Amino acid sequence: RRHTRLQGDWSSDVCSSDLDHPDKCDIFIHDDPSRGMNINISSHSVVYRATNQHSNIMDYVPIMLKSKEIHVIESSFMHLVECMKEFEGYEGKLVVHKIRKYYPLEAPILKKNWNYV
């Protein structure tokens, strides 16, 4: 049974009963290995790598909010963090991995304090 919250308290664990996620996630990663866009992080931290097995991007919001770091390619996950008010108070590290060759550094203009790699 799927419970998806489109608004409300995202700090809650209740988002999707079929999303297997750890209680503690140090680093959240969204990349696209099927297209050769890989984010490789050498770390002893707990890493959660988003897959495309879930049809709703919102299922990942609680995991992202609990993570100490969010690493993304130039993708819908980057825009999700930019647009949702729940991420306004996010105190973790935000990292965009510049993997897509057709994405110029200047575009899009991001409001959050992203680090570029």
C-alpha atoms as a PDB file:
ATOM      1  CA  ARG A   1       0.000   0.000   0.000  1.00  0.00           C
ATOM      2  CA  ARG A   2       1.412   3.357  -1.000  1.00  0.00           C
ATOM      3  CA  HIS A   3       1.048   6.525   1.074  1.00  0.00           C
ATOM      4  CA  THR A   4       2.421   9.565  -0.702  1.00  0.00           C
ATOM      5  CA  ARG A   5       2.367  12.965   0.945  1.00  0.00           C
ATOM      6  CA  LEU A   6       2.196  15.912  -1.386  1.00  0.00           C
ATOM      7  CA  GLN A   7       2.133  18.431   1.423  1.00  0.00           C
ATOM      8  CA  GLY A   8       2.569  18.450   5.159  1.00  0.00           C
ATOM      9  CA  ASP A   9       5.339  17.463   7.524  1.00  0.00           C
ATOM     10  CA  TRP A  10       8.175  15.952   5.524  1.00  0.00           C
ATOM     11  CA  SER A  11      10.241  15.376   8.652  1.00  0.00           C
ATOM     12  CA  SER A  12       7.982  12.400   9.342  1.00  0.00           C
ATOM     13  CA  ASP A  13       9.042   8.884   8.382  1.00  0.00           C
ATOM     14  CA  VAL A  14       5.650   8.272   6.811  1.00  0.00           C
ATOM     15  CA  CYS A  15       5.919   8.738   3.088  1.00  0.00           C
ATOM     16  CA  SER A  16       5.793   5.449   1.279  1.00  0.00           C
ATOM     17  CA  SER A  17       5.420   2.030   2.837  1.00  0.00           C
ATOM     18  CA  ASP A  18       7.187   0.331  -0.082  1.00  0.00           C
ATOM     19  CA  LEU A  19      10.299   2.529  -0.076  1.00  0.00           C
ATOM     20  CA  ASP A  20      13.094   0.679   1.653  1.00  0.00           C
ATOM     21  CA  HIS A  21      15.256   3.369   3.229  1.00  0.00           C
ATOM     22  CA  PRO A  22      17.642   3.466   6.155  1.00  0.00           C
ATOM     23  CA  ASP A  23      16.766   5.367   9.314  1.00  0.00           C
ATOM     24  CA  LYS A  24      20.092   7.135   9.095  1.00  0.00           C
ATOM     25  CA  CYS A  25      21.445   8.244   5.754  1.00  0.00           C
ATOM     26  CA  ASP A  26      24.571  10.357   5.606  1.00  0.00           C
ATOM     27  CA  ILE A  27      24.701  10.890   1.844  1.00  0.00           C
ATOM     28  CA  PHE A  28      21.860  10.864  -0.695  1.00  0.00           C
ATOM     29  CA  ILE A  29      22.889  10.381  -4.339  1.00  0.00           C
ATOM     30  CA  HIS A  30      20.910  10.752  -7.534  1.00  0.00           C
ATOM     31  CA  ASP A  31      22.796   9.947 -10.722  1.00  0.00           C
ATOM     32  CA  ASP A  32      22.047   8.052 -13.944  1.00  0.00           C
ATOM     33  CA  PRO A  33      24.445   5.129 -14.470  1.00  0.00           C
ATOM     34  CA  SER A  34      22.384   3.818 -17.397  1.00  0.00           C
ATOM     35  CA  ARG A  35      23.510   6.907 -19.356  1.00  0.00           C
ATOM     36  CA  GLY A  36      27.063   6.937 -18.037  1.00  0.00           C
ATOM     37  CA  MET A  37      26.425   9.719 -15.509  1.00  0.00           C
ATOM     38  CA  ASN A  38      27.884   8.268 -12.312  1.00  0.00           C
ATOM     39  CA  ILE A  39      28.576   9.961  -9.014  1.00  0.00           C
ATOM     40  CA  ASN A  40      31.373   8.154  -7.232  1.00  0.00           C
ATOM     41  CA  ILE A  41      31.999   9.012  -3.610  1.00  0.00           C
ATOM     42  CA  SER A  42      34.751   7.435  -1.544  1.00  0.00           C
ATOM     43  CA  SER A  43      33.361   7.483   1.934  1.00  0.00           C
ATOM     44  CA  HIS A  44      32.723   5.297   4.943  1.00  0.00           C
ATOM     45  CA  SER A  45      29.389   7.055   5.394  1.00  0.00           C
ATOM     46  CA  VAL A  46      25.976   5.481   4.910  1.00  0.00           C
ATOM     47  CA  VAL A  47      25.026   6.206   1.296  1.00  0.00           C
ATOM     48  CA  TYR A  48      21.540   5.975  -0.203  1.00  0.00           C
ATOM     49  CA  ARG A  49      21.525   5.868  -3.996  1.00  0.00           C
ATOM     50  CA  ALA A  50      18.174   6.742  -5.583  1.00  0.00           C
ATOM     51  CA  THR A  51      17.013   4.420  -8.309  1.00  0.00           C
ATOM     52  CA  ASN A  52      14.280   4.867 -10.853  1.00  0.00           C
ATOM     53  CA  GLN A  53      12.268   1.999  -9.412  1.00  0.00           C
ATOM     54  CA  HIS A  54       9.830   4.375  -7.725  1.00  0.00           C
ATOM     55  CA  SER A  55       7.430   6.274  -9.941  1.00  0.00           C
ATOM     56  CA  ASN A  56       7.106   9.279  -7.636  1.00  0.00           C
ATOM     57  CA  ILE A  57      10.105  11.520  -6.973  1.00  0.00           C
ATOM     58  CA  MET A  58       8.359  12.739  -3.820  1.00  0.00           C
ATOM     59  CA  ASP A  59       8.987   9.343  -2.200  1.00  0.00           C
ATOM     60  CA  TYR A  60      12.630  10.361  -1.760  1.00  0.00           C
ATOM     61  CA  VAL A  61      11.999  13.678   0.024  1.00  0.00           C
ATOM     62  CA  PRO A  62      12.094  12.300   3.616  1.00  0.00           C
ATOM     63  CA  ILE A  63      15.395  10.528   2.937  1.00  0.00           C
ATOM     64  CA  MET A  64      16.879  13.637   1.365  1.00  0.00           C
ATOM     65  CA  LEU A  65      15.809  15.842   4.274  1.00  0.00           C
ATOM     66  CA  LYS A  66      17.466  13.480   6.781  1.00  0.00           C
ATOM     67  CA  SER A  67      20.717  13.234   4.823  1.00  0.00           C
ATOM     68  CA  LYS A  68      23.768  15.233   5.796  1.00  0.00           C
ATOM     69  CA  GLU A  69      24.681  15.648   2.120  1.00  0.00           C
ATOM     70  CA  ILE A  70      22.691  15.600  -1.118  1.00  0.00           C
ATOM     71  CA  HIS A  71      24.649  14.827  -4.287  1.00  0.00           C
ATOM     72  CA  VAL A  72      22.849  15.131  -7.632  1.00  0.00           C
ATOM     73  CA  ILE A  73      23.504  15.509 -11.324  1.00  0.00           C
ATOM     74  CA  GLU A  74      21.700  18.278 -13.195  1.00  0.00           C
ATOM     75  CA  SER A  75      18.306  16.636 -12.921  1.00  0.00           C
ATOM     76  CA  SER A  76      14.792  16.810 -11.562  1.00  0.00           C
ATOM     77  CA  PHE A  77      16.177  16.079  -8.073  1.00  0.00           C
ATOM     78  CA  MET A  78      18.232  19.279  -8.224  1.00  0.00           C
ATOM     79  CA  HIS A  79      15.123  21.255  -9.195  1.00  0.00           C
ATOM     80  CA  LEU A  80      13.085  19.517  -6.493  1.00  0.00           C
ATOM     81  CA  VAL A  81      15.484  20.760  -3.811  1.00  0.00           C
ATOM     82  CA  GLU A  82      15.425  24.233  -5.364  1.00  0.00           C
ATOM     83  CA  CYS A  83      11.635  24.495  -5.477  1.00  0.00           C
ATOM     84  CA  MET A  84      10.290  22.827  -2.332  1.00  0.00           C
ATOM     85  CA  LYS A  85       9.901  25.028   0.729  1.00  0.00           C
ATOM     86  CA  GLU A  86      10.798  22.038   2.926  1.00  0.00           C
ATOM     87  CA  PHE A  87      14.417  22.401   1.764  1.00  0.00           C
ATOM     88  CA  GLU A  88      14.644  26.100   2.708  1.00  0.00           C
ATOM     89  CA  GLY A  89      16.001  25.266   6.150  1.00  0.00           C
ATOM     90  CA  TYR A  90      18.157  22.357   4.999  1.00  0.00           C
ATOM     91  CA  GLU A  91      21.504  22.603   6.794  1.00  0.00           C
ATOM     92  CA  GLY A  92      23.343  19.810   5.014  1.00  0.00           C
ATOM     93  CA  LYS A  93      25.745  20.066   2.120  1.00  0.00           C
ATOM     94  CA  LEU A  94      24.279  20.398  -1.396  1.00  0.00           C
ATOM     95  CA  VAL A  95      26.451  19.205  -4.282  1.00  0.00           C
ATOM     96  CA  VAL A  96      25.784  19.314  -8.030  1.00  0.00           C
ATOM     97  CA  HIS A  97      28.042  17.048 -10.066  1.00  0.00           C
ATOM     98  CA  LYS A  98      28.548  18.717 -13.455  1.00  0.00           C
ATOM     99  CA  ILE A  99      28.344  15.596 -15.594  1.00  0.00           C
ATOM    100  CA  ARG A 100      26.004  16.663 -18.395  1.00  0.00           C
ATOM    101  CA  LYS A 101      28.047  18.270 -21.134  1.00  0.00           C
ATOM    102  CA  TYR A 102      25.151  20.272 -22.579  1.00  0.00           C
ATOM    103  CA  TYR A 103      24.339  21.991 -19.252  1.00  0.00           C
ATOM    104  CA  PRO A 104      26.260  25.292 -19.147  1.00  0.00           C
ATOM    105  CA  LEU A 105      27.600  26.376 -15.755  1.00  0.00           C
ATOM    106  CA  GLU A 106      25.469  29.518 -15.756  1.00  0.00           C
ATOM    107  CA  ALA A 107      22.143  27.750 -16.370  1.00  0.00           C
ATOM    108  CA  PRO A 108      19.979  27.205 -14.545  1.00  0.00           C
ATOM    109  CA  ILE A 109      20.414  29.881 -11.905  1.00  0.00           C
ATOM    110  CA  LEU A 110      20.177  28.176  -8.534  1.00  0.00           C
ATOM    111  CA  LYS A 111      19.126  29.911  -5.321  1.00  0.00           C
ATOM    112  CA  LYS A 112      20.451  27.441  -2.777  1.00  0.00           C
ATOM    113  CA  ASN A 113      24.058  27.250  -1.646  1.00  0.00           C
ATOM    114  CA  TRP A 114      25.175  24.480  -4.020  1.00  0.00           C
ATOM    115  CA  ASN A 115      28.742  23.256  -4.341  1.00  0.00           C
ATOM    116  CA  TYR A 116      29.796  22.375  -7.893  1.00  0.00           C
ATOM    117  CA  VAL A 117      32.012  19.388  -8.639  1.00  0.00           C
END
